[in-house]
Amino acid sequence: GKSRERLEDVDPDDVDAVMRALDLDRGVSSCGVEGCKNMIHLIGSNCRHCKLRFCVGHVVPELHGCGKAAKEEARATWMLEQAQAREEARLRQQGRPLETGWKQHKSAVLKNE
């Protein structure tokens, strides 16, 4: 294969040379959805659930098979926010500072998961 060029040595108008210098010409080059041929070198995103790389059209978890993981993450986030709101309301009623009590509550909630 071609040797890797240093970025400062390549012509900025030579897209292929710039991609080689940035090491973007190796590895997966198309979307992780089977049959999708969209290139993902420069415009693409990694899914935080499955860690694969997808084109802009398939990056939404529900569009490439990670819908259940995304739903579970959203539910866990919502439940934590609800716990925070309940704790803040309880602390307000007691006239205690919100931040200190919530940090203690959050660590207790996370320990029980």
PDB file of N, CA and C in Angstrom:
ATOM      1  N   GLY A   1       0.820  -1.197   0.000  1.00  0.00           N
ATOM      2  CA  GLY A   1       0.000   0.000   0.000  1.00  0.00           C
ATOM      3  C   GLY A   1       0.854   1.246   0.000  1.00  0.00           C
ATOM      4  N   LYS A   2       0.228   2.363  -0.104  1.00  0.00           N
ATOM      5  CA  LYS A   2       0.941   3.632  -0.105  1.00  0.00           C
ATOM      6  C   LYS A   2       1.372   3.975   1.305  1.00  0.00           C
ATOM      7  N   SER A   3       2.559   4.577   1.405  1.00  0.00           N
ATOM      8  CA  SER A   3       3.023   4.952   2.742  1.00  0.00           C
ATOM      9  C   SER A   3       2.259   6.179   3.220  1.00  0.00           C
ATOM     10  N   ARG A   4       2.153   6.294   4.503  1.00  0.00           N
ATOM     11  CA  ARG A   4       1.422   7.403   5.095  1.00  0.00           C
ATOM     12  C   ARG A   4       2.209   8.701   4.947  1.00  0.00           C
ATOM     13  N   GLU A   5       1.524   9.714   4.456  1.00  0.00           N
ATOM     14  CA  GLU A   5       2.160  11.005   4.246  1.00  0.00           C
ATOM     15  C   GLU A   5       1.938  11.888   5.468  1.00  0.00           C
ATOM     16  N   ARG A   6       2.829  12.827   5.662  1.00  0.00           N
ATOM     17  CA  ARG A   6       2.657  13.781   6.752  1.00  0.00           C
ATOM     18  C   ARG A   6       1.720  14.877   6.269  1.00  0.00           C
ATOM     19  N   LEU A   7       0.782  15.273   7.105  1.00  0.00           N
ATOM     20  CA  LEU A   7      -0.222  16.253   6.725  1.00  0.00           C
ATOM     21  C   LEU A   7       0.404  17.557   6.237  1.00  0.00           C
ATOM     22  N   GLU A   8       1.463  17.981   6.908  1.00  0.00           N
ATOM     23  CA  GLU A   8       2.077  19.251   6.518  1.00  0.00           C
ATOM     24  C   GLU A   8       2.785  19.167   5.169  1.00  0.00           C
ATOM     25  N   ASP A   9       3.009  17.948   4.643  1.00  0.00           N
ATOM     26  CA  ASP A   9       3.701  17.776   3.365  1.00  0.00           C
ATOM     27  C   ASP A   9       2.756  17.609   2.184  1.00  0.00           C
ATOM     28  N   VAL A  10       1.465  17.504   2.419  1.00  0.00           N
ATOM     29  CA  VAL A  10       0.539  17.244   1.304  1.00  0.00           C
ATOM     30  C   VAL A  10      -0.127  18.525   0.825  1.00  0.00           C
ATOM     31  N   ASP A  11      -0.534  18.489  -0.427  1.00  0.00           N
ATOM     32  CA  ASP A  11      -1.264  19.595  -1.039  1.00  0.00           C
ATOM     33  C   ASP A  11      -2.674  19.606  -0.450  1.00  0.00           C
ATOM     34  N   PRO A  12      -3.100  20.697   0.184  1.00  0.00           N
ATOM     35  CA  PRO A  12      -4.435  20.719   0.805  1.00  0.00           C
ATOM     36  C   PRO A  12      -5.570  20.538  -0.200  1.00  0.00           C
ATOM     37  N   ASP A  13      -5.308  20.735  -1.479  1.00  0.00           N
ATOM     38  CA  ASP A  13      -6.345  20.543  -2.499  1.00  0.00           C
ATOM     39  C   ASP A  13      -6.435  19.088  -2.964  1.00  0.00           C
ATOM     40  N   ASP A  14      -5.480  18.244  -2.561  1.00  0.00           N
ATOM     41  CA  ASP A  14      -5.475  16.831  -2.932  1.00  0.00           C
ATOM     42  C   ASP A  14      -6.180  16.039  -1.823  1.00  0.00           C
ATOM     43  N   VAL A  15      -7.486  15.843  -2.005  1.00  0.00           N
ATOM     44  CA  VAL A  15      -8.315  15.213  -0.981  1.00  0.00           C
ATOM     45  C   VAL A  15      -7.799  13.821  -0.627  1.00  0.00           C
ATOM     46  N   ASP A  16      -7.408  13.039  -1.640  1.00  0.00           N
ATOM     47  CA  ASP A  16      -6.917  11.691  -1.367  1.00  0.00           C
ATOM     48  C   ASP A  16      -5.663  11.719  -0.500  1.00  0.00           C
ATOM     49  N   ALA A  17      -4.751  12.642  -0.795  1.00  0.00           N
ATOM     50  CA  ALA A  17      -3.518  12.750  -0.007  1.00  0.00           C
ATOM     51  C   ALA A  17      -3.820  13.191   1.420  1.00  0.00           C
ATOM     52  N   VAL A  18      -4.757  14.111   1.578  1.00  0.00           N
ATOM     53  CA  VAL A  18      -5.135  14.564   2.919  1.00  0.00           C
ATOM     54  C   VAL A  18      -5.745  13.403   3.701  1.00  0.00           C
ATOM     55  N   MET A  19      -6.613  12.618   3.052  1.00  0.00           N
ATOM     56  CA  MET A  19      -7.226  11.474   3.726  1.00  0.00           C
ATOM     57  C   MET A  19      -6.174  10.443   4.120  1.00  0.00           C
ATOM     58  N   ARG A  20      -5.181  10.195   3.246  1.00  0.00           N
ATOM     59  CA  ARG A  20      -4.107   9.265   3.601  1.00  0.00           C
ATOM     60  C   ARG A  20      -3.313   9.798   4.790  1.00  0.00           C
ATOM     61  N   ALA A  21      -3.026  11.089   4.776  1.00  0.00           N
ATOM     62  CA  ALA A  21      -2.247  11.686   5.863  1.00  0.00           C
ATOM     63  C   ALA A  21      -2.993  11.617   7.193  1.00  0.00           C
ATOM     64  N   LEU A  22      -4.291  11.733   7.142  1.00  0.00           N
ATOM     65  CA  LEU A  22      -5.103  11.664   8.363  1.00  0.00           C
ATOM     66  C   LEU A  22      -5.499  10.234   8.708  1.00  0.00           C
ATOM     67  N   ASP A  23      -5.042   9.284   7.893  1.00  0.00           N
ATOM     68  CA  ASP A  23      -5.335   7.873   8.105  1.00  0.00           C
ATOM     69  C   ASP A  23      -6.822   7.580   7.957  1.00  0.00           C
ATOM     70  N   LEU A  24      -7.504   8.355   7.102  1.00  0.00           N
ATOM     71  CA  LEU A  24      -8.941   8.155   6.908  1.00  0.00           C
ATOM     72  C   LEU A  24      -9.236   7.227   5.739  1.00  0.00           C
ATOM     73  N   ASP A  25      -8.205   6.747   5.075  1.00  0.00           N
ATOM     74  CA  ASP A  25      -8.430   5.880   3.926  1.00  0.00           C
ATOM     75  C   ASP A  25      -8.372   4.400   4.283  1.00  0.00           C
ATOM     76  N   ARG A  26      -8.310   4.097   5.578  1.00  0.00           N
ATOM     77  CA  ARG A  26      -8.244   2.704   6.030  1.00  0.00           C
ATOM     78  C   ARG A  26      -9.516   2.331   6.772  1.00  0.00           C
ATOM     79  N   GLY A  27      -9.707   1.052   6.908  1.00  0.00           N
ATOM     80  CA  GLY A  27     -10.827   0.561   7.712  1.00  0.00           C
ATOM     81  C   GLY A  27     -12.159   0.669   6.992  1.00  0.00           C
ATOM     82  N   VAL A  28     -13.214   0.707   7.759  1.00  0.00           N
ATOM     83  CA  VAL A  28     -14.562   0.729   7.230  1.00  0.00           C
ATOM     84  C   VAL A  28     -14.809   2.045   6.504  1.00  0.00           C
ATOM     85  N   SER A  29     -15.311   1.949   5.285  1.00  0.00           N
ATOM     86  CA  SER A  29     -15.523   3.167   4.516  1.00  0.00           C
ATOM     87  C   SER A  29     -16.987   3.429   4.204  1.00  0.00           C
ATOM     88  N   SER A  30     -17.848   2.440   4.404  1.00  0.00           N
ATOM     89  CA  SER A  30     -19.259   2.674   4.124  1.00  0.00           C
ATOM     90  C   SER A  30     -20.092   2.404   5.376  1.00  0.00           C
ATOM     91  N   CYS A  31     -21.299   2.874   5.337  1.00  0.00           N
ATOM     92  CA  CYS A  31     -22.250   2.794   6.448  1.00  0.00           C
ATOM     93  C   CYS A  31     -22.373   1.368   6.977  1.00  0.00           C
ATOM     94  N   GLY A  32     -22.627   1.237   8.285  1.00  0.00           N
ATOM     95  CA  GLY A  32     -22.779  -0.061   8.928  1.00  0.00           C
ATOM     96  C   GLY A  32     -24.079  -0.776   8.622  1.00  0.00           C
ATOM     97  N   VAL A  33     -25.020  -0.117   7.939  1.00  0.00           N
ATOM     98  CA  VAL A  33     -26.281  -0.762   7.575  1.00  0.00           C
ATOM     99  C   VAL A  33     -26.059  -1.567   6.298  1.00  0.00           C
ATOM    100  N   GLU A  34     -26.405  -2.844   6.348  1.00  0.00           N
ATOM    101  CA  GLU A  34     -26.203  -3.723   5.198  1.00  0.00           C
ATOM    102  C   GLU A  34     -26.923  -3.166   3.976  1.00  0.00           C
ATOM    103  N   GLY A  35     -26.197  -3.086   2.883  1.00  0.00           N
ATOM    104  CA  GLY A  35     -26.760  -2.592   1.631  1.00  0.00           C
ATOM    105  C   GLY A  35     -26.595  -1.095   1.419  1.00  0.00           C
ATOM    106  N   CYS A  36     -26.280  -0.342   2.463  1.00  0.00           N
ATOM    107  CA  CYS A  36     -26.084   1.100   2.321  1.00  0.00           C
ATOM    108  C   CYS A  36     -24.652   1.341   1.844  1.00  0.00           C
ATOM    109  N   LYS A  37     -24.511   2.082   0.775  1.00  0.00           N
ATOM    110  CA  LYS A  37     -23.195   2.334   0.191  1.00  0.00           C
ATOM    111  C   LYS A  37     -22.688   3.746   0.486  1.00  0.00           C
ATOM    112  N   ASN A  38     -23.387   4.484   1.355  1.00  0.00           N
ATOM    113  CA  ASN A  38     -22.940   5.841   1.678  1.00  0.00           C
ATOM    114  C   ASN A  38     -21.583   5.791   2.360  1.00  0.00           C
ATOM    115  N   MET A  39     -20.691   6.657   1.926  1.00  0.00           N
ATOM    116  CA  MET A  39     -19.354   6.724   2.488  1.00  0.00           C
ATOM    117  C   MET A  39     -19.400   7.452   3.836  1.00  0.00           C
ATOM    118  N   ILE A  40     -18.545   7.023   4.753  1.00  0.00           N
ATOM    119  CA  ILE A  40     -18.591   7.583   6.109  1.00  0.00           C
ATOM    120  C   ILE A  40     -17.248   8.109   6.578  1.00  0.00           C
ATOM    121  N   HIS A  41     -16.299   8.284   5.663  1.00  0.00           N
ATOM    122  CA  HIS A  41     -14.979   8.789   6.059  1.00  0.00           C
ATOM    123  C   HIS A  41     -15.080  10.110   6.807  1.00  0.00           C
ATOM    124  N   LEU A  42     -15.642  11.100   6.148  1.00  0.00           N
ATOM    125  CA  LEU A  42     -15.666  12.446   6.717  1.00  0.00           C
ATOM    126  C   LEU A  42     -16.974  12.782   7.395  1.00  0.00           C
ATOM    127  N   ILE A  43     -18.070  12.269   6.846  1.00  0.00           N
ATOM    128  CA  ILE A  43     -19.379  12.556   7.445  1.00  0.00           C
ATOM    129  C   ILE A  43     -19.991  11.232   7.862  1.00  0.00           C
ATOM    130  N   GLY A  44     -20.012  11.013   9.134  1.00  0.00           N
ATOM    131  CA  GLY A  44     -20.557   9.789   9.701  1.00  0.00           C
ATOM    132  C   GLY A  44     -20.461   9.887  11.211  1.00  0.00           C
ATOM    133  N   SER A  45     -21.181   9.028  11.896  1.00  0.00           N
ATOM    134  CA  SER A  45     -21.160   9.058  13.352  1.00  0.00           C
ATOM    135  C   SER A  45     -21.117   7.640  13.894  1.00  0.00           C
ATOM    136  N   ASN A  46     -20.465   7.494  15.038  1.00  0.00           N
ATOM    137  CA  ASN A  46     -20.418   6.206  15.722  1.00  0.00           C
ATOM    138  C   ASN A  46     -21.614   6.102  16.660  1.00  0.00           C
ATOM    139  N   CYS A  47     -22.220   4.926  16.684  1.00  0.00           N
ATOM    140  CA  CYS A  47     -23.336   4.670  17.597  1.00  0.00           C
ATOM    141  C   CYS A  47     -22.759   4.372  18.976  1.00  0.00           C
ATOM    142  N   ARG A  48     -23.280   5.011  19.995  1.00  0.00           N
ATOM    143  CA  ARG A  48     -22.748   4.774  21.334  1.00  0.00           C
ATOM    144  C   ARG A  48     -23.221   3.444  21.911  1.00  0.00           C
ATOM    145  N   HIS A  49     -24.165   2.808  21.253  1.00  0.00           N
ATOM    146  CA  HIS A  49     -24.669   1.524  21.747  1.00  0.00           C
ATOM    147  C   HIS A  49     -23.912   0.343  21.133  1.00  0.00           C
ATOM    148  N   CYS A  50     -23.796   0.314  19.808  1.00  0.00           N
ATOM    149  CA  CYS A  50     -23.141  -0.824  19.143  1.00  0.00           C
ATOM    150  C   CYS A  50     -21.715  -0.506  18.689  1.00  0.00           C
ATOM    151  N   LYS A  51     -21.330   0.774  18.772  1.00  0.00           N
ATOM    152  CA  LYS A  51     -19.980   1.235  18.422  1.00  0.00           C
ATOM    153  C   LYS A  51     -19.663   1.170  16.926  1.00  0.00           C
ATOM    154  N   LEU A  52     -20.645   0.867  16.077  1.00  0.00           N
ATOM    155  CA  LEU A  52     -20.420   0.874  14.634  1.00  0.00           C
ATOM    156  C   LEU A  52     -20.565   2.291  14.103  1.00  0.00           C
ATOM    157  N   ARG A  53     -20.065   2.530  12.877  1.00  0.00           N
ATOM    158  CA  ARG A  53     -20.120   3.848  12.252  1.00  0.00           C
ATOM    159  C   ARG A  53     -21.197   3.836  11.171  1.00  0.00           C
ATOM    160  N   PHE A  54     -22.003   4.910  11.149  1.00  0.00           N
ATOM    161  CA  PHE A  54     -23.129   4.991  10.218  1.00  0.00           C
ATOM    162  C   PHE A  54     -23.143   6.320   9.480  1.00  0.00           C
ATOM    163  N   CYS A  55     -23.779   6.303   8.318  1.00  0.00           N
ATOM    164  CA  CYS A  55     -23.976   7.542   7.557  1.00  0.00           C
ATOM    165  C   CYS A  55     -25.023   8.388   8.284  1.00  0.00           C
ATOM    166  N   VAL A  56     -25.170   9.620   7.837  1.00  0.00           N
ATOM    167  CA  VAL A  56     -26.118  10.541   8.463  1.00  0.00           C
ATOM    168  C   VAL A  56     -27.545   9.987   8.410  1.00  0.00           C
ATOM    169  N   GLY A  57     -27.882   9.281   7.365  1.00  0.00           N
ATOM    170  CA  GLY A  57     -29.236   8.741   7.209  1.00  0.00           C
ATOM    171  C   GLY A  57     -29.562   7.572   8.116  1.00  0.00           C
ATOM    172  N   HIS A  58     -28.546   6.898   8.647  1.00  0.00           N
ATOM    173  CA  HIS A  58     -28.788   5.720   9.478  1.00  0.00           C
ATOM    174  C   HIS A  58     -28.242   5.843  10.898  1.00  0.00           C
ATOM    175  N   VAL A  59     -27.790   7.020  11.298  1.00  0.00           N
ATOM    176  CA  VAL A  59     -27.152   7.167  12.609  1.00  0.00           C
ATOM    177  C   VAL A  59     -28.152   7.064  13.772  1.00  0.00           C
ATOM    178  N   VAL A  60     -29.414   7.349  13.532  1.00  0.00           N
ATOM    179  CA  VAL A  60     -30.439   7.249  14.582  1.00  0.00           C
ATOM    180  C   VAL A  60     -30.548   5.778  15.011  1.00  0.00           C
ATOM    181  N   PRO A  61     -30.413   5.495  16.310  1.00  0.00           N
ATOM    182  CA  PRO A  61     -30.375   4.104  16.778  1.00  0.00           C
ATOM    183  C   PRO A  61     -31.526   3.232  16.273  1.00  0.00           C
ATOM    184  N   GLU A  62     -32.725   3.777  16.203  1.00  0.00           N
ATOM    185  CA  GLU A  62     -33.885   2.997  15.758  1.00  0.00           C
ATOM    186  C   GLU A  62     -33.775   2.591  14.283  1.00  0.00           C
ATOM    187  N   LEU A  63     -32.947   3.279  13.513  1.00  0.00           N
ATOM    188  CA  LEU A  63     -32.829   2.984  12.085  1.00  0.00           C
ATOM    189  C   LEU A  63     -31.784   1.915  11.777  1.00  0.00           C
ATOM    190  N   HIS A  64     -30.965   1.539  12.752  1.00  0.00           N
ATOM    191  CA  HIS A  64     -29.953   0.520  12.468  1.00  0.00           C
ATOM    192  C   HIS A  64     -29.941  -0.628  13.474  1.00  0.00           C
ATOM    193  N   GLY A  65     -30.987  -0.742  14.287  1.00  0.00           N
ATOM    194  CA  GLY A  65     -31.090  -1.910  15.155  1.00  0.00           C
ATOM    195  C   GLY A  65     -30.762  -1.688  16.619  1.00  0.00           C
ATOM    196  N   CYS A  66     -30.501  -0.465  17.023  1.00  0.00           N
ATOM    197  CA  CYS A  66     -30.184  -0.189  18.431  1.00  0.00           C
ATOM    198  C   CYS A  66     -31.339   0.508  19.156  1.00  0.00           C
ATOM    199  N   GLY A  67     -32.540   0.387  18.622  1.00  0.00           N
ATOM    200  CA  GLY A  67     -33.697   1.042  19.218  1.00  0.00           C
ATOM    201  C   GLY A  67     -33.960   0.628  20.654  1.00  0.00           C
ATOM    202  N   LYS A  68     -33.811  -0.674  20.949  1.00  0.00           N
ATOM    203  CA  LYS A  68     -34.068  -1.161  22.308  1.00  0.00           C
ATOM    204  C   LYS A  68     -33.055  -0.578  23.288  1.00  0.00           C
ATOM    205  N   ALA A  69     -31.784  -0.551  22.896  1.00  0.00           N
ATOM    206  CA  ALA A  69     -30.740   0.007  23.765  1.00  0.00           C
ATOM    207  C   ALA A  69     -30.975   1.496  24.001  1.00  0.00           C
ATOM    208  N   ALA A  70     -31.383   2.222  22.945  1.00  0.00           N
ATOM    209  CA  ALA A  70     -31.650   3.653  23.084  1.00  0.00           C
ATOM    210  C   ALA A  70     -32.837   3.893  24.005  1.00  0.00           C
ATOM    211  N   LYS A  71     -33.864   3.059  23.890  1.00  0.00           N
ATOM    212  CA  LYS A  71     -35.051   3.184  24.741  1.00  0.00           C
ATOM    213  C   LYS A  71     -34.690   2.924  26.203  1.00  0.00           C
ATOM    214  N   GLU A  72     -33.879   1.906  26.452  1.00  0.00           N
ATOM    215  CA  GLU A  72     -33.460   1.596  27.821  1.00  0.00           C
ATOM    216  C   GLU A  72     -32.629   2.731  28.416  1.00  0.00           C
ATOM    217  N   GLU A  73     -31.750   3.312  27.600  1.00  0.00           N
ATOM    218  CA  GLU A  73     -30.941   4.430  28.075  1.00  0.00           C
ATOM    219  C   GLU A  73     -31.828   5.641  28.391  1.00  0.00           C
ATOM    220  N   ALA A  74     -32.791   5.927  27.516  1.00  0.00           N
ATOM    221  CA  ALA A  74     -33.694   7.059  27.747  1.00  0.00           C
ATOM    222  C   ALA A  74     -34.525   6.837  29.013  1.00  0.00           C
ATOM    223  N   ARG A  75     -34.971   5.612  29.227  1.00  0.00           N
ATOM    224  CA  ARG A  75     -35.758   5.309  30.429  1.00  0.00           C
ATOM    225  C   ARG A  75     -34.919   5.496  31.689  1.00  0.00           C
ATOM    226  N   ALA A  76     -33.675   5.015  31.674  1.00  0.00           N
ATOM    227  CA  ALA A  76     -32.797   5.157  32.839  1.00  0.00           C
ATOM    228  C   ALA A  76     -32.525   6.635  33.130  1.00  0.00           C
ATOM    229  N   THR A  77     -32.313   7.422  32.096  1.00  0.00           N
ATOM    230  CA  THR A  77     -32.090   8.858  32.256  1.00  0.00           C
ATOM    231  C   THR A  77     -33.330   9.519  32.842  1.00  0.00           C
ATOM    232  N   TRP A  78     -34.503   9.167  32.319  1.00  0.00           N
ATOM    233  CA  TRP A  78     -35.757   9.737  32.816  1.00  0.00           C
ATOM    234  C   TRP A  78     -35.968   9.377  34.284  1.00  0.00           C
ATOM    235  N   MET A  79     -35.695   8.129  34.637  1.00  0.00           N
ATOM    236  CA  MET A  79     -35.891   7.702  36.027  1.00  0.00           C
ATOM    237  C   MET A  79     -34.944   8.457  36.961  1.00  0.00           C
ATOM    238  N   LEU A  80     -33.723   8.686  36.538  1.00  0.00           N
ATOM    239  CA  LEU A  80     -32.769   9.430  37.359  1.00  0.00           C
ATOM    240  C   LEU A  80     -33.222  10.883  37.521  1.00  0.00           C
ATOM    241  N   GLU A  81     -33.739  11.472  36.428  1.00  0.00           N
ATOM    242  CA  GLU A  81     -34.243  12.846  36.510  1.00  0.00           C
ATOM    243  C   GLU A  81     -35.441  12.937  37.440  1.00  0.00           C
ATOM    244  N   GLN A  82     -36.309  11.934  37.407  1.00  0.00           N
ATOM    245  CA  GLN A  82     -37.470  11.925  38.298  1.00  0.00           C
ATOM    246  C   GLN A  82     -37.029  11.807  39.757  1.00  0.00           C
ATOM    247  N   ALA A  83     -36.044  10.967  40.010  1.00  0.00           N
ATOM    248  CA  ALA A  83     -35.517  10.818  41.369  1.00  0.00           C
ATOM    249  C   ALA A  83     -34.917  12.140  41.838  1.00  0.00           C
ATOM    250  N   GLN A  84     -34.224  12.818  40.936  1.00  0.00           N
ATOM    251  CA  GLN A  84     -33.635  14.113  41.276  1.00  0.00           C
ATOM    252  C   GLN A  84     -34.724  15.123  41.625  1.00  0.00           C
ATOM    253  N   ALA A  85     -35.778  15.163  40.827  1.00  0.00           N
ATOM    254  CA  ALA A  85     -36.865  16.109  41.084  1.00  0.00           C
ATOM    255  C   ALA A  85     -37.543  15.826  42.431  1.00  0.00           C
ATOM    256  N   ARG A  86     -37.767  14.540  42.741  1.00  0.00           N
ATOM    257  CA  ARG A  86     -38.384  14.184  44.028  1.00  0.00           C
ATOM    258  C   ARG A  86     -37.486  14.583  45.191  1.00  0.00           C
ATOM    259  N   GLU A  87     -36.173  14.328  45.037  1.00  0.00           N
ATOM    260  CA  GLU A  87     -35.236  14.670  46.106  1.00  0.00           C
ATOM    261  C   GLU A  87     -35.146  16.179  46.297  1.00  0.00           C
ATOM    262  N   GLU A  88     -35.136  16.931  45.187  1.00  0.00           N
ATOM    263  CA  GLU A  88     -35.092  18.399  45.296  1.00  0.00           C
ATOM    264  C   GLU A  88     -36.334  18.932  45.988  1.00  0.00           C
ATOM    265  N   ALA A  89     -37.493  18.365  45.669  1.00  0.00           N
ATOM    266  CA  ALA A  89     -38.734  18.791  46.317  1.00  0.00           C
ATOM    267  C   ALA A  89     -38.689  18.485  47.813  1.00  0.00           C
ATOM    268  N   ARG A  90     -38.190  17.310  48.173  1.00  0.00           N
ATOM    269  CA  ARG A  90     -38.085  16.935  49.587  1.00  0.00           C
ATOM    270  C   ARG A  90     -37.147  17.879  50.329  1.00  0.00           C
ATOM    271  N   LEU A  91     -35.995  18.197  49.705  1.00  0.00           N
ATOM    272  CA  LEU A  91     -35.030  19.089  50.346  1.00  0.00           C
ATOM    273  C   LEU A  91     -35.574  20.512  50.477  1.00  0.00           C
ATOM    274  N   ARG A  92     -36.329  20.952  49.466  1.00  0.00           N
ATOM    275  CA  ARG A  92     -36.933  22.289  49.550  1.00  0.00           C
ATOM    276  C   ARG A  92     -37.892  22.369  50.737  1.00  0.00           C
ATOM    277  N   GLN A  93     -38.667  21.310  50.926  1.00  0.00           N
ATOM    278  CA  GLN A  93     -39.604  21.278  52.046  1.00  0.00           C
ATOM    279  C   GLN A  93     -38.873  21.328  53.377  1.00  0.00           C
ATOM    280  N   GLN A  94     -37.691  20.764  53.438  1.00  0.00           N
ATOM    281  CA  GLN A  94     -36.900  20.761  54.668  1.00  0.00           C
ATOM    282  C   GLN A  94     -36.044  22.015  54.796  1.00  0.00           C
ATOM    283  N   GLY A  95     -36.005  22.831  53.738  1.00  0.00           N
ATOM    284  CA  GLY A  95     -35.196  24.044  53.771  1.00  0.00           C
ATOM    285  C   GLY A  95     -33.703  23.775  53.693  1.00  0.00           C
ATOM    286  N   ARG A  96     -33.323  22.634  53.126  1.00  0.00           N
ATOM    287  CA  ARG A  96     -31.899  22.268  53.014  1.00  0.00           C
ATOM    288  C   ARG A  96     -31.359  22.641  51.633  1.00  0.00           C
ATOM    289  N   PRO A  97     -30.042  22.844  51.537  1.00  0.00           N
ATOM    290  CA  PRO A  97     -29.450  23.149  50.227  1.00  0.00           C
ATOM    291  C   PRO A  97     -29.673  21.988  49.255  1.00  0.00           C
ATOM    292  N   LEU A  98     -30.022  22.306  48.022  1.00  0.00           N
ATOM    293  CA  LEU A  98     -30.353  21.275  47.044  1.00  0.00           C
ATOM    294  C   LEU A  98     -29.124  20.483  46.593  1.00  0.00           C
ATOM    295  N   GLU A  99     -28.038  21.147  46.295  1.00  0.00           N
ATOM    296  CA  GLU A  99     -26.899  20.477  45.671  1.00  0.00           C
ATOM    297  C   GLU A  99     -26.314  19.391  46.567  1.00  0.00           C
ATOM    298  N   THR A 100     -26.102  19.693  47.820  1.00  0.00           N
ATOM    299  CA  THR A 100     -25.490  18.733  48.732  1.00  0.00           C
ATOM    300  C   THR A 100     -26.349  17.486  48.862  1.00  0.00           C
ATOM    301  N   GLY A 101     -27.642  17.679  49.083  1.00  0.00           N
ATOM    302  CA  GLY A 101     -28.540  16.537  49.245  1.00  0.00           C
ATOM    303  C   GLY A 101     -28.644  15.710  47.991  1.00  0.00           C
ATOM    304  N   TRP A 102     -28.685  16.367  46.831  1.00  0.00           N
ATOM    305  CA  TRP A 102     -28.828  15.618  45.591  1.00  0.00           C
ATOM    306  C   TRP A 102     -27.577  14.786  45.309  1.00  0.00           C
ATOM    307  N   LYS A 103     -26.402  15.330  45.577  1.00  0.00           N
ATOM    308  CA  LYS A 103     -25.177  14.562  45.343  1.00  0.00           C
ATOM    309  C   LYS A 103     -25.166  13.300  46.203  1.00  0.00           C
ATOM    310  N   GLN A 104     -25.613  13.417  47.444  1.00  0.00           N
ATOM    311  CA  GLN A 104     -25.674  12.250  48.318  1.00  0.00           C
ATOM    312  C   GLN A 104     -26.695  11.252  47.789  1.00  0.00           C
ATOM    313  N   HIS A 105     -27.854  11.752  47.374  1.00  0.00           N
ATOM    314  CA  HIS A 105     -28.916  10.881  46.872  1.00  0.00           C
ATOM    315  C   HIS A 105     -28.470  10.187  45.586  1.00  0.00           C
ATOM    316  N   LYS A 106     -27.836  10.940  44.672  1.00  0.00           N
ATOM    317  CA  LYS A 106     -27.403  10.385  43.395  1.00  0.00           C
ATOM    318  C   LYS A 106     -26.405   9.250  43.622  1.00  0.00           C
ATOM    319  N   SER A 107     -25.462   9.434  44.523  1.00  0.00           N
ATOM    320  CA  SER A 107     -24.482   8.367  44.776  1.00  0.00           C
ATOM    321  C   SER A 107     -25.180   7.148  45.375  1.00  0.00           C
ATOM    322  N   ALA A 108     -26.182   7.362  46.197  1.00  0.00           N
ATOM    323  CA  ALA A 108     -26.924   6.236  46.774  1.00  0.00           C
ATOM    324  C   ALA A 108     -27.708   5.493  45.685  1.00  0.00           C
ATOM    325  N   VAL A 109     -28.322   6.255  44.775  1.00  0.00           N
ATOM    326  CA  VAL A 109     -29.083   5.644  43.678  1.00  0.00           C
ATOM    327  C   VAL A 109     -28.144   4.841  42.781  1.00  0.00           C
ATOM    328  N   LEU A 110     -26.993   5.406  42.439  1.00  0.00           N
ATOM    329  CA  LEU A 110     -26.058   4.720  41.550  1.00  0.00           C
ATOM    330  C   LEU A 110     -25.472   3.464  42.194  1.00  0.00           C
ATOM    331  N   LYS A 111     -25.310   3.471  43.508  1.00  0.00           N
ATOM    332  CA  LYS A 111     -24.789   2.282  44.206  1.00  0.00           C
ATOM    333  C   LYS A 111     -25.786   1.132  44.163  1.00  0.00           C
ATOM    334  N   ASN A 112     -27.084   1.464  44.104  1.00  0.00           N
ATOM    335  CA  ASN A 112     -28.129   0.428  44.115  1.00  0.00           C
ATOM    336  C   ASN A 112     -28.398  -0.152  42.740  1.00  0.00           C
ATOM    337  N   GLU A 113     -27.807   0.403  41.674  1.00  0.00           N
ATOM    338  CA  GLU A 113     -28.080  -0.103  40.315  1.00  0.00           C
ATOM    339  C   GLU A 113     -27.382  -1.395  40.058  1.00  0.00           C
TER     340      GLU A 113
END
